[in-house]
Amino acid sequence: MTEFIPPISDRETDELIEIANCKDENIWQKEAIKQAKKELIKRNISQEQQNKISKEKKTIQKLEIEAELQRLENNKTESYTVFEMVILFLFGPLIFFNIFGLSHHTIFTLSSENYFLKLKQRILIFVLSFSAWFIYLNYSSNKSEEKRLEEIEKIDISDWKKRHGY
């Protein structure tokens, strides 16, 4: 007799019913199915009770699937609040590259969780944010360069020219 880990006899009744009623040998070996059926007989679980428990389990699974589908459907139209949009715009590059180490939604998780509206908003906000940051940094860099050149122009180098023969 093959030993399974954990042993078939130590498993919950629901799991034994699932094993015993498994038709696919790729999921459970024949020996496991036999042991599960024997253990159910030892526990005095009739086929009628097995069917009832199995049916209840399928009903619960069906309800869970329906709830998940409803959640995914609701996610399609969920939008960012104005405050969230402002934060995403102001800190877009930092959030995009996860500088803060926060676990924000990424574009990939938004897509996999069916947040289509949020995904579109996030992409648009990030494009605008990156553009604004680029324009600001470019402008700031140009201004500081102009200021540096003005300071250089203000310096009187006539004494230096006389000493060095220019």
Foldseek 3Di string as FASTA:
>chain_A
DDADVVGLLPDDLLVLLVLLPDPDCVVPPPVSNVVSVVSCVVVVQDPVNSVVSVVVVVVVVVVVVVVLVVQLVVLQPDADDPVVLVVCLQCVVCVQVVVVVDPDDHLVNSVVSNNNRHSVSSVVSSVNSVVVVVVVVVVVVVVVVVVVVVVVVPDDCPVVCVVVVD
